[in-house]
């Protein structure tokens, strides 16, 4: 039983660090994706305004 607890104690921290890294990277990638989407929408609106102003 002691061996099992030692193994569990040595494996648990890397698993938690890996999960933390995964959540952080996921948040960064999702925020970048949403930022690009909003930027594309703003750019499309500005292009539509420029097209409307052309004679």
PDB file of N, CA and C in Angstrom:
ATOM      1  N   UNK A   1       0.825  -1.197   0.000  1.00  0.00           N
ATOM      2  CA  UNK A   1       0.000   0.000   0.000  1.00  0.00           C
ATOM      3  C   UNK A   1       0.864   1.254   0.000  1.00  0.00           C
ATOM      4  N   UNK A   2       2.012   1.191   0.699  1.00  0.00           N
ATOM      5  CA  UNK A   2       2.899   2.347   0.729  1.00  0.00           C
ATOM      6  C   UNK A   2       3.434   2.668  -0.662  1.00  0.00           C
ATOM      7  N   UNK A   3       3.733   1.620  -1.434  1.00  0.00           N
ATOM      8  CA  UNK A   3       4.234   1.828  -2.789  1.00  0.00           C
ATOM      9  C   UNK A   3       3.176   2.524  -3.644  1.00  0.00           C
ATOM     10  N   UNK A   4       1.937   2.114  -3.498  1.00  0.00           N
ATOM     11  CA  UNK A   4       0.846   2.732  -4.249  1.00  0.00           C
ATOM     12  C   UNK A   4       0.720   4.215  -3.918  1.00  0.00           C
ATOM     13  N   UNK A   5       0.803   4.564  -2.645  1.00  0.00           N
ATOM     14  CA  UNK A   5       0.700   5.968  -2.238  1.00  0.00           C
ATOM     15  C   UNK A   5       1.889   6.781  -2.742  1.00  0.00           C
ATOM     16  N   UNK A   6       3.077   6.169  -2.762  1.00  0.00           N
ATOM     17  CA  UNK A   6       4.251   6.870  -3.290  1.00  0.00           C
ATOM     18  C   UNK A   6       4.102   7.127  -4.782  1.00  0.00           C
ATOM     19  N   UNK A   7       3.609   6.117  -5.495  1.00  0.00           N
ATOM     20  CA  UNK A   7       3.395   6.281  -6.938  1.00  0.00           C
ATOM     21  C   UNK A   7       2.337   7.351  -7.190  1.00  0.00           C
ATOM     22  N   UNK A   8       1.253   7.284  -6.459  1.00  0.00           N
ATOM     23  CA  UNK A   8       0.184   8.275  -6.607  1.00  0.00           C
ATOM     24  C   UNK A   8       0.693   9.676  -6.277  1.00  0.00           C
ATOM     25  N   UNK A   9       1.492   9.788  -5.228  1.00  0.00           N
ATOM     26  CA  UNK A   9       2.039  11.087  -4.839  1.00  0.00           C
ATOM     27  C   UNK A   9       3.027  11.642  -5.842  1.00  0.00           C
ATOM     28  N   UNK A  10       3.731  10.775  -6.566  1.00  0.00           N
ATOM     29  CA  UNK A  10       4.699  11.262  -7.542  1.00  0.00           C
ATOM     30  C   UNK A  10       4.059  11.555  -8.896  1.00  0.00           C
ATOM     31  N   UNK A  11       2.924  10.950  -9.183  1.00  0.00           N
ATOM     32  CA  UNK A  11       2.258  11.170 -10.473  1.00  0.00           C
ATOM     33  C   UNK A  11       1.288  12.346 -10.414  1.00  0.00           C
ATOM     34  N   UNK A  12       0.708  12.613  -9.274  1.00  0.00           N
ATOM     35  CA  UNK A  12      -0.320  13.646  -9.148  1.00  0.00           C
ATOM     36  C   UNK A  12       0.163  15.050  -9.526  1.00  0.00           C
ATOM     37  N   UNK A  13       1.294  15.550  -9.031  1.00  0.00           N
ATOM     38  CA  UNK A  13       1.704  16.916  -9.402  1.00  0.00           C
ATOM     39  C   UNK A  13       1.903  17.139 -10.902  1.00  0.00           C
ATOM     40  N   UNK A  14       2.577  16.230 -11.636  1.00  0.00           N
ATOM     41  CA  UNK A  14       2.690  16.467 -13.081  1.00  0.00           C
ATOM     42  C   UNK A  14       1.347  16.473 -13.801  1.00  0.00           C
ATOM     43  N   UNK A  15       0.416  15.656 -13.332  1.00  0.00           N
ATOM     44  CA  UNK A  15      -0.913  15.642 -13.955  1.00  0.00           C
ATOM     45  C   UNK A  15      -1.605  16.984 -13.747  1.00  0.00           C
ATOM     46  N   UNK A  16      -1.544  17.513 -12.531  1.00  0.00           N
ATOM     47  CA  UNK A  16      -2.175  18.807 -12.266  1.00  0.00           C
ATOM     48  C   UNK A  16      -1.494  19.936 -13.033  1.00  0.00           C
ATOM     49  N   UNK A  17      -0.177  19.910 -13.123  1.00  0.00           N
ATOM     50  CA  UNK A  17       0.539  20.936 -13.889  1.00  0.00           C
ATOM     51  C   UNK A  17       0.172  20.832 -15.368  1.00  0.00           C
ATOM     52  N   UNK A  18       0.066  19.615 -15.879  1.00  0.00           N
ATOM     53  CA  UNK A  18      -0.341  19.419 -17.271  1.00  0.00           C
ATOM     54  C   UNK A  18      -1.739  19.942 -17.534  1.00  0.00           C
ATOM     55  N   UNK A  19      -2.657  19.677 -16.618  1.00  0.00           N
ATOM     56  CA  UNK A  19      -4.021  20.184 -16.774  1.00  0.00           C
ATOM     57  C   UNK A  19      -4.064  21.705 -16.700  1.00  0.00           C
ATOM     58  N   UNK A  20      -3.301  22.278 -15.800  1.00  0.00           N
ATOM     59  CA  UNK A  20      -3.237  23.735 -15.686  1.00  0.00           C
ATOM     60  C   UNK A  20      -2.700  24.348 -16.977  1.00  0.00           C
ATOM     61  N   UNK A  21      -1.622  23.772 -17.510  1.00  0.00           N
ATOM     62  CA  UNK A  21      -1.054  24.248 -18.773  1.00  0.00           C
ATOM     63  C   UNK A  21      -2.080  24.137 -19.894  1.00  0.00           C
ATOM     64  N   UNK A  22      -2.816  23.025 -19.941  1.00  0.00           N
ATOM     65  CA  UNK A  22      -3.810  22.814 -20.985  1.00  0.00           C
ATOM     66  C   UNK A  22      -4.927  23.860 -20.907  1.00  0.00           C
ATOM     67  N   UNK A  23      -5.425  24.140 -19.694  1.00  0.00           N
ATOM     68  CA  UNK A  23      -6.478  25.146 -19.536  1.00  0.00           C
ATOM     69  C   UNK A  23      -5.993  26.533 -19.945  1.00  0.00           C
ATOM     70  N   UNK A  24      -4.764  26.882 -19.584  1.00  0.00           N
ATOM     71  CA  UNK A  24      -4.223  28.196 -19.940  1.00  0.00           C
ATOM     72  C   UNK A  24      -4.069  28.320 -21.449  1.00  0.00           C
ATOM     73  N   UNK A  25      -3.497  27.303 -22.090  1.00  0.00           N
ATOM     74  CA  UNK A  25      -3.321  27.352 -23.541  1.00  0.00           C
ATOM     75  C   UNK A  25      -4.669  27.389 -24.258  1.00  0.00           C
ATOM     76  N   UNK A  26      -5.642  26.647 -23.760  1.00  0.00           N
ATOM     77  CA  UNK A  26      -6.978  26.648 -24.350  1.00  0.00           C
ATOM     78  C   UNK A  26      -7.605  28.035 -24.268  1.00  0.00           C
ATOM     79  N   UNK A  27      -7.446  28.693 -23.124  1.00  0.00           N
ATOM     80  CA  UNK A  27      -8.000  30.038 -22.956  1.00  0.00           C
ATOM     81  C   UNK A  27      -7.325  31.025 -23.901  1.00  0.00           C
ATOM     82  N   UNK A  28      -6.016  30.919 -24.052  1.00  0.00           N
ATOM     83  CA  UNK A  28      -5.284  31.819 -24.946  1.00  0.00           C
ATOM     84  C   UNK A  28      -5.730  31.614 -26.387  1.00  0.00           C
ATOM     85  N   UNK A  29      -5.824  30.374 -26.811  1.00  0.00           N
ATOM     86  CA  UNK A  29      -6.208  30.090 -28.200  1.00  0.00           C
ATOM     87  C   UNK A  29      -7.641  30.528 -28.474  1.00  0.00           C
ATOM     88  N   UNK A  30      -8.539  30.282 -27.537  1.00  0.00           N
ATOM     89  CA  UNK A  30      -9.930  30.712 -27.736  1.00  0.00           C
ATOM     90  C   UNK A  30     -10.055  32.226 -27.770  1.00  0.00           C
ATOM     91  N   UNK A  31      -9.325  32.924 -26.916  1.00  0.00           N
ATOM     92  CA  UNK A  31      -9.421  34.385 -26.915  1.00  0.00           C
ATOM     93  C   UNK A  31      -8.843  34.948 -28.205  1.00  0.00           C
ATOM     94  N   UNK A  32      -7.769  34.347 -28.714  1.00  0.00           N
ATOM     95  CA  UNK A  32      -7.195  34.802 -29.973  1.00  0.00           C
ATOM     96  C   UNK A  32      -8.180  34.574 -31.115  1.00  0.00           C
ATOM     97  N   UNK A  33      -8.844  33.453 -31.102  1.00  0.00           N
ATOM     98  CA  UNK A  33      -9.822  33.145 -32.140  1.00  0.00           C
ATOM     99  C   UNK A  33     -10.976  34.137 -32.124  1.00  0.00           C
ATOM    100  N   UNK A  34     -11.475  34.436 -30.944  1.00  0.00           N
ATOM    101  CA  UNK A  34     -12.582  35.396 -30.831  1.00  0.00           C
ATOM    102  C   UNK A  34     -12.131  36.798 -31.233  1.00  0.00           C
ATOM    103  N   UNK A  35     -10.900  37.160 -30.888  1.00  0.00           N
ATOM    104  CA  UNK A  35     -10.387  38.476 -31.259  1.00  0.00           C
ATOM    105  C   UNK A  35     -10.288  38.600 -32.772  1.00  0.00           C
ATOM    106  N   UNK A  36      -9.826  37.555 -33.434  1.00  0.00           N
ATOM    107  CA  UNK A  36      -9.747  37.576 -34.895  1.00  0.00           C
ATOM    108  C   UNK A  36     -11.132  37.680 -35.525  1.00  0.00           C
ATOM    109  N   UNK A  37     -12.104  37.003 -34.936  1.00  0.00           N
ATOM    110  CA  UNK A  37     -13.469  37.051 -35.454  1.00  0.00           C
ATOM    111  C   UNK A  37     -14.049  38.461 -35.329  1.00  0.00           C
ATOM    112  N   UNK A  38     -13.866  39.091 -34.188  1.00  0.00           N
ATOM    113  CA  UNK A  38     -14.368  40.448 -33.977  1.00  0.00           C
ATOM    114  C   UNK A  38     -13.657  41.416 -34.918  1.00  0.00           C
ATOM    115  N   UNK A  39     -12.345  41.251 -35.085  1.00  0.00           N
ATOM    116  CA  UNK A  39     -11.591  42.119 -35.987  1.00  0.00           C
ATOM    117  C   UNK A  39     -12.106  41.976 -37.421  1.00  0.00           C
ATOM    118  N   UNK A  40     -12.415  40.760 -37.844  1.00  0.00           N
ATOM    119  CA  UNK A  40     -12.936  40.540 -39.193  1.00  0.00           C
ATOM    120  C   UNK A  40     -14.301  41.202 -39.365  1.00  0.00           C
ATOM    121  N   UNK A  41     -15.136  41.143 -38.332  1.00  0.00           N
ATOM    122  CA  UNK A  41     -16.447  41.794 -38.413  1.00  0.00           C
ATOM    123  C   UNK A  41     -16.303  43.308 -38.520  1.00  0.00           C
ATOM    124  N   UNK A  42     -15.418  43.887 -37.735  1.00  0.00           N
ATOM    125  CA  UNK A  42     -15.194  45.337 -37.780  1.00  0.00           C
ATOM    126  C   UNK A  42     -14.644  45.734 -39.144  1.00  0.00           C
ATOM    127  N   UNK A  43     -13.709  44.943 -39.651  1.00  0.00           N
ATOM    128  CA  UNK A  43     -13.124  45.248 -40.956  1.00  0.00           C
ATOM    129  C   UNK A  43     -14.182  45.166 -42.056  1.00  0.00           C
ATOM    130  N   UNK A  44     -15.083  44.196 -41.982  1.00  0.00           N
ATOM    131  CA  UNK A  44     -16.152  44.074 -42.973  1.00  0.00           C
ATOM    132  C   UNK A  44     -17.093  45.273 -42.908  1.00  0.00           C
ATOM    133  N   UNK A  45     -17.390  45.741 -41.710  1.00  0.00           N
ATOM    134  CA  UNK A  45     -18.239  46.928 -41.569  1.00  0.00           C
ATOM    135  C   UNK A  45     -17.569  48.156 -42.178  1.00  0.00           C
ATOM    136  N   UNK A  46     -16.294  48.318 -41.925  1.00  0.00           N
ATOM    137  CA  UNK A  46     -15.570  49.473 -42.468  1.00  0.00           C
ATOM    138  C   UNK A  46     -15.497  49.410 -43.993  1.00  0.00           C
ATOM    139  N   UNK A  47     -15.292  48.226 -44.538  1.00  0.00           N
ATOM    140  CA  UNK A  47     -15.266  48.093 -46.001  1.00  0.00           C
ATOM    141  C   UNK A  47     -16.634  48.408 -46.597  1.00  0.00           C
ATOM    142  N   UNK A  48     -17.698  48.002 -45.912  1.00  0.00           N
ATOM    143  CA  UNK A  48     -19.049  48.300 -46.397  1.00  0.00           C
ATOM    144  C   UNK A  48     -19.302  49.802 -46.374  1.00  0.00           C
ATOM    145  N   UNK A  49     -18.807  50.492 -45.351  1.00  0.00           N
ATOM    146  CA  UNK A  49     -18.955  51.947 -45.283  1.00  0.00           C
ATOM    147  C   UNK A  49     -18.207  52.622 -46.422  1.00  0.00           C
ATOM    148  N   UNK A  50     -17.001  52.140 -46.714  1.00  0.00           N
ATOM    149  CA  UNK A  50     -16.226  52.724 -47.810  1.00  0.00           C
ATOM    150  C   UNK A  50     -16.904  52.483 -49.152  1.00  0.00           C
ATOM    151  N   UNK A  51     -17.469  51.309 -49.349  1.00  0.00           N
ATOM    152  CA  UNK A  51     -18.170  51.009 -50.597  1.00  0.00           C
ATOM    153  C   UNK A  51     -19.412  51.882 -50.742  1.00  0.00           C
ATOM    154  N   UNK A  52     -20.078  52.182 -49.645  1.00  0.00           N
ATOM    155  CA  UNK A  52     -21.281  53.014 -49.695  1.00  0.00           C
ATOM    156  C   UNK A  52     -20.932  54.462 -50.034  1.00  0.00           C
ATOM    157  N   UNK A  53     -19.747  54.917 -49.652  1.00  0.00           N
ATOM    158  CA  UNK A  53     -19.347  56.299 -49.906  1.00  0.00           C
ATOM    159  C   UNK A  53     -18.851  56.512 -51.328  1.00  0.00           C
ATOM    160  N   UNK A  54     -18.454  55.452 -52.019  1.00  0.00           N
ATOM    161  CA  UNK A  54     -17.952  55.597 -53.388  1.00  0.00           C
ATOM    162  C   UNK A  54     -19.093  56.010 -54.309  1.00  0.00           C
ATOM    163  N   UNK A  55     -18.796  56.919 -55.231  1.00  0.00           N
ATOM    164  CA  UNK A  55     -19.859  57.376 -56.154  1.00  0.00           C
ATOM    165  C   UNK A  55     -20.209  56.357 -57.214  1.00  0.00           C
TER     166      UNK A  55
END
